[in-house]
């Protein structure tokens, strides 16, 4: 992936988003998939799990979301876990993934504008369903600014 390339490329008004979580974010994920509405955008969710509140390990779900983003099967990804830290670490192990831990709308907008985040990570124990809806809407509506930010991503990409 080229650092300046926009990582969210919805076809028309349809956007396919991969979503994954561990047991701590399961309930929030279920609500998002069923209830999140974005004006003028038809959201299609690709749910990679987990599929219950039984204890499970987050890295496997981060991998599944990241692989779908990288192979172009989805436009972007959403990950949830208790603090969001583990999912962020796991997702950013993949070259071409720019995962951002976001806890409010301002951070979400800047994650896209400055860092071209193609995966958003949410701390499920620290944000409400209402906050998460607004955070995701803000992230999806933002656009990468390029310029100096593109140069910085190119530097990061050179770390491979």
N, C-alpha and C. Protein backbone atom coordinates (compact mmCIF):
# COMPACT_ATOMS: atom_id res chain seq x y z
N UNK A 1 0.83 -1.17 0.00
CA UNK A 1 0.00 0.00 0.00
C UNK A 1 0.88 1.24 0.00
N UNK A 2 0.52 2.19 -0.79
CA UNK A 2 1.26 3.44 -0.88
C UNK A 2 0.74 4.38 0.20
N UNK A 3 1.65 5.04 0.90
CA UNK A 3 1.26 5.87 2.04
C UNK A 3 0.24 6.94 1.67
N UNK A 4 0.28 7.49 0.50
CA UNK A 4 -0.64 8.54 0.12
C UNK A 4 -1.97 8.03 -0.40
N UNK A 5 -2.06 6.77 -0.64
CA UNK A 5 -3.27 6.18 -1.19
C UNK A 5 -4.36 6.18 -0.12
N UNK A 6 -5.55 6.62 -0.48
CA UNK A 6 -6.64 6.60 0.49
C UNK A 6 -7.00 5.15 0.78
N UNK A 7 -7.10 4.84 2.05
CA UNK A 7 -7.32 3.45 2.42
C UNK A 7 -8.79 3.09 2.56
N UNK A 8 -9.66 4.06 2.51
CA UNK A 8 -11.09 3.76 2.56
C UNK A 8 -11.66 4.12 1.20
N UNK A 9 -11.98 3.08 0.43
CA UNK A 9 -12.47 3.26 -0.92
C UNK A 9 -13.81 2.56 -1.06
N UNK A 10 -14.85 3.22 -0.71
CA UNK A 10 -16.17 2.62 -0.86
C UNK A 10 -16.61 2.71 -2.31
N UNK A 11 -17.26 1.66 -2.75
CA UNK A 11 -17.79 1.64 -4.11
C UNK A 11 -19.19 2.25 -4.07
N UNK A 12 -19.37 3.38 -4.73
CA UNK A 12 -20.66 4.06 -4.67
C UNK A 12 -20.95 4.47 -3.23
N UNK A 13 -22.12 4.14 -2.77
CA UNK A 13 -22.51 4.45 -1.40
C UNK A 13 -22.44 3.23 -0.50
N UNK A 14 -21.80 2.18 -0.96
CA UNK A 14 -21.69 0.95 -0.19
C UNK A 14 -20.29 0.84 0.40
N UNK A 15 -20.21 0.45 1.66
CA UNK A 15 -18.93 0.30 2.31
C UNK A 15 -18.92 -1.02 3.07
N UNK A 16 -17.91 -1.86 2.78
CA UNK A 16 -17.77 -3.13 3.47
C UNK A 16 -16.69 -2.97 4.55
N UNK A 17 -17.07 -3.28 5.77
CA UNK A 17 -16.17 -3.11 6.92
C UNK A 17 -16.00 -4.45 7.62
N UNK A 18 -14.76 -4.88 7.79
CA UNK A 18 -14.49 -6.08 8.58
C UNK A 18 -14.48 -5.67 10.05
N UNK A 19 -15.08 -6.48 10.89
CA UNK A 19 -15.12 -6.18 12.32
C UNK A 19 -14.74 -7.43 13.10
N UNK A 20 -13.92 -7.21 14.12
CA UNK A 20 -13.49 -8.32 14.97
C UNK A 20 -13.30 -7.85 16.40
N UNK A 21 -13.50 -8.76 17.31
CA UNK A 21 -13.38 -8.45 18.72
C UNK A 21 -13.04 -9.69 19.52
N UNK A 22 -12.62 -9.47 20.75
CA UNK A 22 -12.53 -10.58 21.69
C UNK A 22 -13.83 -10.57 22.51
N UNK A 23 -13.87 -11.38 23.54
CA UNK A 23 -15.08 -11.50 24.36
C UNK A 23 -15.49 -10.20 25.04
N UNK A 24 -14.52 -9.32 25.34
CA UNK A 24 -14.82 -8.08 26.05
C UNK A 24 -15.59 -7.09 25.17
N UNK A 25 -15.42 -7.17 23.87
CA UNK A 25 -16.12 -6.26 22.97
C UNK A 25 -17.30 -6.89 22.24
N UNK A 26 -17.60 -8.14 22.58
CA UNK A 26 -18.63 -8.88 21.85
C UNK A 26 -19.97 -8.15 21.81
N UNK A 27 -20.48 -7.72 22.95
CA UNK A 27 -21.80 -7.06 22.99
C UNK A 27 -21.81 -5.77 22.18
N UNK A 28 -20.76 -4.99 22.30
CA UNK A 28 -20.66 -3.75 21.54
C UNK A 28 -20.62 -4.03 20.04
N UNK A 29 -19.88 -5.06 19.66
CA UNK A 29 -19.81 -5.44 18.23
C UNK A 29 -21.19 -5.83 17.72
N UNK A 30 -21.91 -6.61 18.48
CA UNK A 30 -23.24 -7.05 18.06
C UNK A 30 -24.15 -5.84 17.82
N UNK A 31 -24.10 -4.87 18.73
CA UNK A 31 -24.93 -3.67 18.59
C UNK A 31 -24.51 -2.86 17.36
N UNK A 32 -23.20 -2.72 17.14
CA UNK A 32 -22.73 -1.97 15.98
C UNK A 32 -23.21 -2.58 14.67
N UNK A 33 -23.02 -3.86 14.54
CA UNK A 33 -23.38 -4.55 13.30
C UNK A 33 -24.88 -4.42 13.03
N UNK A 34 -25.67 -4.46 14.08
CA UNK A 34 -27.12 -4.40 13.91
C UNK A 34 -27.68 -2.99 13.82
N UNK A 35 -27.06 -2.02 14.51
CA UNK A 35 -27.71 -0.73 14.69
C UNK A 35 -27.01 0.49 14.09
N UNK A 36 -25.73 0.41 13.77
CA UNK A 36 -25.03 1.60 13.27
C UNK A 36 -25.56 1.98 11.89
N UNK A 37 -25.95 3.24 11.77
CA UNK A 37 -26.40 3.79 10.49
C UNK A 37 -25.58 5.02 10.19
N UNK A 38 -25.10 5.11 8.97
CA UNK A 38 -24.35 6.28 8.51
C UNK A 38 -25.14 6.88 7.35
N UNK A 39 -25.47 8.17 7.45
CA UNK A 39 -26.25 8.79 6.36
C UNK A 39 -25.58 8.60 5.00
N UNK A 40 -26.39 8.23 4.02
CA UNK A 40 -25.98 8.09 2.62
C UNK A 40 -24.94 6.99 2.38
N UNK A 41 -24.73 6.11 3.36
CA UNK A 41 -23.79 5.01 3.18
C UNK A 41 -24.48 3.71 3.58
N UNK A 42 -24.40 2.74 2.70
CA UNK A 42 -24.92 1.41 2.98
C UNK A 42 -23.79 0.57 3.55
N UNK A 43 -23.81 0.36 4.86
CA UNK A 43 -22.74 -0.40 5.51
C UNK A 43 -23.00 -1.89 5.38
N UNK A 44 -21.98 -2.61 4.98
CA UNK A 44 -22.03 -4.06 4.94
C UNK A 44 -20.90 -4.56 5.84
N UNK A 45 -21.25 -5.33 6.84
CA UNK A 45 -20.27 -5.80 7.82
C UNK A 45 -19.81 -7.20 7.49
N UNK A 46 -18.51 -7.43 7.60
CA UNK A 46 -17.94 -8.77 7.52
C UNK A 46 -17.45 -9.08 8.93
N UNK A 47 -18.22 -9.88 9.64
CA UNK A 47 -17.94 -10.20 11.04
C UNK A 47 -17.03 -11.42 11.10
N UNK A 48 -15.80 -11.22 11.60
CA UNK A 48 -14.84 -12.32 11.69
C UNK A 48 -14.79 -12.94 13.08
N UNK A 49 -15.64 -12.48 14.00
CA UNK A 49 -15.69 -13.03 15.35
C UNK A 49 -15.15 -12.04 16.36
N UNK A 50 -15.20 -12.43 17.56
CA UNK A 50 -15.67 -13.66 18.14
C UNK A 50 -17.20 -13.71 18.09
N UNK A 51 -17.75 -14.88 18.40
CA UNK A 51 -19.17 -15.07 18.24
C UNK A 51 -19.90 -15.40 19.53
N UNK A 52 -19.24 -15.14 20.66
CA UNK A 52 -19.88 -15.32 21.97
C UNK A 52 -19.09 -14.54 23.00
N UNK A 53 -19.58 -14.54 24.23
CA UNK A 53 -18.87 -13.85 25.31
C UNK A 53 -17.91 -14.79 26.03
N UNK A 54 -17.69 -15.97 25.47
CA UNK A 54 -16.72 -16.90 26.06
C UNK A 54 -15.31 -16.33 25.90
N UNK A 55 -14.51 -16.50 26.92
CA UNK A 55 -13.15 -15.97 26.91
C UNK A 55 -12.38 -16.47 25.67
N UNK A 56 -11.70 -15.54 24.99
CA UNK A 56 -10.93 -15.89 23.80
C UNK A 56 -9.76 -14.93 23.67
N UNK A 57 -8.87 -15.20 22.75
CA UNK A 57 -7.67 -14.40 22.55
C UNK A 57 -7.85 -13.46 21.36
N UNK A 58 -7.58 -12.18 21.57
CA UNK A 58 -7.81 -11.16 20.55
C UNK A 58 -6.93 -11.26 19.31
N UNK A 59 -5.65 -11.73 19.37
CA UNK A 59 -4.81 -11.65 18.17
C UNK A 59 -5.38 -12.33 16.94
N UNK A 60 -6.09 -13.43 17.12
CA UNK A 60 -6.63 -14.13 15.96
C UNK A 60 -7.66 -13.28 15.21
N UNK A 61 -8.41 -12.47 15.93
CA UNK A 61 -9.42 -11.64 15.28
C UNK A 61 -8.80 -10.41 14.64
N UNK A 62 -7.75 -9.89 15.25
CA UNK A 62 -7.00 -8.79 14.62
C UNK A 62 -6.41 -9.26 13.29
N UNK A 63 -5.84 -10.45 13.29
CA UNK A 63 -5.26 -11.00 12.06
C UNK A 63 -6.31 -11.13 10.97
N UNK A 64 -7.48 -11.67 11.30
CA UNK A 64 -8.52 -11.87 10.30
C UNK A 64 -9.00 -10.55 9.69
N UNK A 65 -9.17 -9.54 10.52
CA UNK A 65 -9.59 -8.23 10.01
C UNK A 65 -8.49 -7.64 9.12
N UNK A 66 -7.25 -7.67 9.59
CA UNK A 66 -6.15 -7.09 8.82
C UNK A 66 -5.95 -7.79 7.49
N UNK A 67 -6.06 -9.09 7.46
CA UNK A 67 -5.92 -9.82 6.20
C UNK A 67 -6.99 -9.40 5.20
N UNK A 68 -8.22 -9.19 5.67
CA UNK A 68 -9.30 -8.78 4.77
C UNK A 68 -9.05 -7.36 4.23
N UNK A 69 -8.54 -6.48 5.07
CA UNK A 69 -8.22 -5.13 4.61
C UNK A 69 -7.09 -5.19 3.58
N UNK A 70 -6.05 -5.92 3.88
CA UNK A 70 -4.88 -5.98 3.00
C UNK A 70 -5.16 -6.65 1.67
N UNK A 71 -6.04 -7.65 1.65
CA UNK A 71 -6.32 -8.31 0.38
C UNK A 71 -7.47 -7.67 -0.39
N UNK A 72 -7.97 -6.52 0.12
CA UNK A 72 -8.98 -5.78 -0.60
C UNK A 72 -10.39 -6.35 -0.52
N UNK A 73 -10.61 -7.30 0.36
CA UNK A 73 -11.95 -7.89 0.50
C UNK A 73 -12.92 -6.92 1.17
N UNK A 74 -12.36 -5.96 1.93
CA UNK A 74 -13.17 -4.95 2.61
C UNK A 74 -12.52 -3.58 2.41
N UNK A 75 -13.28 -2.54 2.70
CA UNK A 75 -12.78 -1.17 2.56
C UNK A 75 -11.94 -0.74 3.76
N UNK A 76 -12.26 -1.24 4.95
CA UNK A 76 -11.56 -0.86 6.17
C UNK A 76 -11.93 -1.85 7.28
N UNK A 77 -11.35 -1.63 8.47
CA UNK A 77 -11.60 -2.55 9.57
C UNK A 77 -11.87 -1.86 10.89
N UNK A 78 -12.63 -2.55 11.74
CA UNK A 78 -12.93 -2.10 13.09
C UNK A 78 -12.56 -3.24 14.04
N UNK A 79 -11.80 -2.90 15.07
CA UNK A 79 -11.41 -3.87 16.09
C UNK A 79 -11.82 -3.35 17.46
N UNK A 80 -12.23 -4.25 18.33
CA UNK A 80 -12.61 -3.88 19.69
C UNK A 80 -12.00 -4.86 20.67
N UNK A 81 -11.51 -4.34 21.78
CA UNK A 81 -11.15 -5.15 22.93
C UNK A 81 -11.23 -4.24 24.15
N UNK A 82 -11.01 -4.75 25.30
CA UNK A 82 -11.20 -4.01 26.54
C UNK A 82 -10.58 -2.62 26.50
N UNK A 83 -9.28 -2.51 26.35
CA UNK A 83 -8.60 -1.21 26.32
C UNK A 83 -8.29 -0.76 24.90
N UNK A 84 -8.33 -1.67 23.95
CA UNK A 84 -7.95 -1.37 22.58
C UNK A 84 -6.45 -1.48 22.33
N UNK A 85 -5.69 -1.57 23.39
CA UNK A 85 -4.23 -1.59 23.25
C UNK A 85 -3.75 -2.88 22.59
N UNK A 86 -4.22 -4.02 23.06
CA UNK A 86 -3.79 -5.29 22.49
C UNK A 86 -4.12 -5.39 21.01
N UNK A 87 -5.34 -5.01 20.65
CA UNK A 87 -5.74 -5.05 19.24
C UNK A 87 -4.88 -4.10 18.41
N UNK A 88 -4.57 -2.93 18.95
CA UNK A 88 -3.72 -1.97 18.23
C UNK A 88 -2.34 -2.55 17.96
N UNK A 89 -1.77 -3.15 18.98
CA UNK A 89 -0.44 -3.76 18.83
C UNK A 89 -0.49 -4.86 17.78
N UNK A 90 -1.50 -5.72 17.88
CA UNK A 90 -1.62 -6.85 16.95
C UNK A 90 -1.80 -6.35 15.51
N UNK A 91 -2.70 -5.41 15.31
CA UNK A 91 -3.00 -4.94 13.96
C UNK A 91 -1.80 -4.24 13.32
N UNK A 92 -1.08 -3.47 14.09
CA UNK A 92 0.04 -2.72 13.52
C UNK A 92 1.27 -3.58 13.24
N UNK A 93 1.19 -4.87 13.49
CA UNK A 93 2.25 -5.80 13.10
C UNK A 93 2.22 -6.09 11.60
N UNK A 94 1.11 -5.75 10.95
CA UNK A 94 0.91 -6.05 9.53
C UNK A 94 1.33 -4.85 8.69
N UNK A 95 2.29 -5.07 7.76
CA UNK A 95 2.69 -4.01 6.84
C UNK A 95 1.50 -3.58 6.01
N UNK A 96 1.26 -2.29 5.95
CA UNK A 96 0.12 -1.76 5.20
C UNK A 96 -1.09 -1.50 6.05
N UNK A 97 -1.05 -1.90 7.29
CA UNK A 97 -2.15 -1.59 8.21
C UNK A 97 -1.73 -0.39 9.04
N UNK A 98 -2.63 0.58 9.08
CA UNK A 98 -2.45 1.76 9.91
C UNK A 98 -3.61 1.76 10.90
N UNK A 99 -3.42 1.10 12.03
CA UNK A 99 -4.48 0.96 13.03
C UNK A 99 -4.34 2.05 14.08
N UNK A 100 -5.45 2.68 14.39
CA UNK A 100 -5.46 3.79 15.35
C UNK A 100 -6.43 3.51 16.49
N UNK A 101 -5.95 3.61 17.70
CA UNK A 101 -6.78 3.48 18.89
C UNK A 101 -7.49 4.82 19.10
N UNK A 102 -8.81 4.79 19.03
CA UNK A 102 -9.60 6.03 19.12
C UNK A 102 -10.64 5.94 20.23
N UNK A 103 -10.74 7.00 21.01
CA UNK A 103 -11.68 7.02 22.12
C UNK A 103 -12.62 8.22 22.05
N UNK A 104 -12.44 9.09 21.05
CA UNK A 104 -13.40 10.17 20.84
C UNK A 104 -13.38 10.58 19.36
N UNK A 105 -14.30 11.44 18.99
CA UNK A 105 -14.45 11.79 17.58
C UNK A 105 -13.27 12.58 17.05
N UNK A 106 -12.69 13.44 17.86
CA UNK A 106 -11.55 14.26 17.40
C UNK A 106 -10.36 13.36 17.05
N UNK A 107 -10.06 12.40 17.92
CA UNK A 107 -8.96 11.47 17.67
C UNK A 107 -9.25 10.65 16.41
N UNK A 108 -10.50 10.23 16.24
CA UNK A 108 -10.86 9.43 15.06
C UNK A 108 -10.66 10.22 13.77
N UNK A 109 -11.08 11.49 13.76
CA UNK A 109 -10.91 12.32 12.57
C UNK A 109 -9.42 12.50 12.26
N UNK A 110 -8.63 12.80 13.28
CA UNK A 110 -7.20 13.01 13.07
C UNK A 110 -6.49 11.72 12.65
N UNK A 111 -6.97 10.58 13.14
CA UNK A 111 -6.39 9.29 12.74
C UNK A 111 -6.47 9.10 11.24
N UNK A 112 -7.56 9.53 10.65
CA UNK A 112 -7.72 9.42 9.21
C UNK A 112 -7.00 10.56 8.48
N UNK A 113 -7.21 11.80 8.95
CA UNK A 113 -6.63 12.95 8.26
C UNK A 113 -5.10 12.95 8.27
N UNK A 114 -4.51 12.58 9.39
CA UNK A 114 -3.05 12.66 9.55
C UNK A 114 -2.33 11.34 9.33
N UNK A 115 -2.99 10.23 9.65
CA UNK A 115 -2.30 8.93 9.61
C UNK A 115 -2.94 7.92 8.67
N UNK A 116 -3.96 8.33 7.94
CA UNK A 116 -4.60 7.48 6.94
C UNK A 116 -5.01 6.12 7.51
N UNK A 117 -5.52 6.14 8.76
CA UNK A 117 -5.88 4.89 9.44
C UNK A 117 -6.90 4.10 8.63
N UNK A 118 -6.55 2.85 8.32
CA UNK A 118 -7.48 1.97 7.61
C UNK A 118 -8.14 0.97 8.55
N UNK A 119 -7.72 0.98 9.82
CA UNK A 119 -8.35 0.17 10.86
C UNK A 119 -8.51 1.07 12.08
N UNK A 120 -9.71 1.08 12.63
CA UNK A 120 -9.95 1.83 13.86
C UNK A 120 -10.11 0.81 15.00
N UNK A 121 -9.48 1.12 16.12
CA UNK A 121 -9.54 0.24 17.28
C UNK A 121 -10.25 1.00 18.39
N UNK A 122 -11.21 0.34 19.01
CA UNK A 122 -12.04 0.97 20.03
C UNK A 122 -11.91 0.25 21.37
N UNK A 123 -11.75 1.02 22.46
CA UNK A 123 -11.63 0.43 23.79
C UNK A 123 -13.02 0.15 24.37
N UNK A 124 -13.52 -1.04 24.19
CA UNK A 124 -14.91 -1.36 24.49
C UNK A 124 -15.31 -1.14 25.95
N UNK A 125 -14.37 -1.22 26.87
CA UNK A 125 -14.70 -1.00 28.28
C UNK A 125 -14.72 0.48 28.66
N UNK A 126 -14.36 1.36 27.74
CA UNK A 126 -14.20 2.76 28.09
C UNK A 126 -15.02 3.72 27.24
N UNK A 127 -15.82 3.19 26.30
CA UNK A 127 -16.68 4.03 25.48
C UNK A 127 -18.08 3.42 25.43
N UNK A 128 -19.07 4.28 25.37
CA UNK A 128 -20.46 3.81 25.30
C UNK A 128 -20.81 3.48 23.85
N UNK A 129 -21.94 2.82 23.68
CA UNK A 129 -22.40 2.52 22.33
C UNK A 129 -22.64 3.81 21.55
N UNK A 130 -23.23 4.80 22.18
CA UNK A 130 -23.46 6.08 21.52
C UNK A 130 -22.16 6.74 21.09
N UNK A 131 -21.15 6.72 21.96
CA UNK A 131 -19.85 7.29 21.61
C UNK A 131 -19.21 6.55 20.45
N UNK A 132 -19.29 5.23 20.47
CA UNK A 132 -18.69 4.42 19.41
C UNK A 132 -19.34 4.73 18.06
N UNK A 133 -20.64 4.89 18.05
CA UNK A 133 -21.32 5.23 16.80
C UNK A 133 -20.79 6.54 16.22
N UNK A 134 -20.66 7.54 17.07
CA UNK A 134 -20.18 8.85 16.61
C UNK A 134 -18.70 8.79 16.20
N UNK A 135 -17.91 8.03 16.92
CA UNK A 135 -16.49 7.88 16.60
C UNK A 135 -16.32 7.25 15.21
N UNK A 136 -17.05 6.19 14.95
CA UNK A 136 -16.93 5.52 13.65
C UNK A 136 -17.45 6.42 12.53
N UNK A 137 -18.55 7.09 12.74
CA UNK A 137 -19.07 8.01 11.71
C UNK A 137 -18.05 9.10 11.38
N UNK A 138 -17.43 9.65 12.39
CA UNK A 138 -16.44 10.71 12.18
C UNK A 138 -15.24 10.17 11.39
N UNK A 139 -14.77 9.00 11.76
CA UNK A 139 -13.63 8.37 11.08
C UNK A 139 -13.95 8.08 9.62
N UNK A 140 -15.13 7.54 9.37
CA UNK A 140 -15.51 7.21 8.00
C UNK A 140 -15.69 8.45 7.13
N UNK A 141 -16.07 9.56 7.73
CA UNK A 141 -16.32 10.78 6.94
C UNK A 141 -15.05 11.60 6.69
N UNK A 142 -13.99 11.33 7.43
CA UNK A 142 -12.74 12.10 7.28
C UNK A 142 -11.96 11.64 6.05
N UNK A 143 -11.09 12.52 5.56
CA UNK A 143 -10.24 12.20 4.41
C UNK A 143 -8.78 12.49 4.74
N UNK A 144 -7.90 11.66 4.21
CA UNK A 144 -6.47 11.82 4.41
C UNK A 144 -6.01 13.12 3.77
N UNK A 145 -5.23 13.91 4.50
CA UNK A 145 -4.78 15.22 4.02
C UNK A 145 -3.55 15.17 3.13
N UNK A 146 -2.84 14.08 3.14
CA UNK A 146 -1.60 13.89 2.35
C UNK A 146 -0.54 14.91 2.77
N UNK A 147 0.11 15.62 1.84
CA UNK A 147 1.14 16.59 2.17
C UNK A 147 2.20 16.04 3.10
N UNK A 148 2.50 16.76 4.16
CA UNK A 148 3.52 16.34 5.12
C UNK A 148 3.17 15.01 5.76
N UNK A 149 1.89 14.70 5.86
CA UNK A 149 1.46 13.45 6.48
C UNK A 149 1.82 12.25 5.60
N UNK A 150 1.71 12.43 4.30
CA UNK A 150 2.09 11.37 3.36
C UNK A 150 3.58 11.05 3.52
N UNK A 151 4.40 12.08 3.63
CA UNK A 151 5.84 11.88 3.80
C UNK A 151 6.12 11.08 5.08
N UNK A 152 5.42 11.38 6.13
CA UNK A 152 5.62 10.67 7.40
C UNK A 152 5.24 9.19 7.28
N UNK A 153 4.17 8.91 6.57
CA UNK A 153 3.78 7.51 6.37
C UNK A 153 4.79 6.79 5.50
N UNK A 154 5.37 7.48 4.53
CA UNK A 154 6.40 6.87 3.71
C UNK A 154 7.62 6.51 4.56
N UNK A 155 7.95 7.36 5.51
CA UNK A 155 9.05 7.05 6.43
C UNK A 155 8.71 5.79 7.23
N UNK A 156 7.48 5.74 7.76
CA UNK A 156 7.07 4.54 8.51
C UNK A 156 7.13 3.29 7.64
N UNK A 157 6.67 3.42 6.39
CA UNK A 157 6.68 2.27 5.49
C UNK A 157 8.10 1.79 5.20
N UNK A 158 9.08 2.67 5.31
CA UNK A 158 10.48 2.27 5.07
C UNK A 158 11.04 1.42 6.21
N UNK A 159 10.34 1.34 7.32
CA UNK A 159 10.81 0.57 8.48
C UNK A 159 10.65 -0.93 8.29
N UNK A 160 10.04 -1.39 7.24
CA UNK A 160 9.72 -2.81 7.01
C UNK A 160 10.85 -3.71 7.31
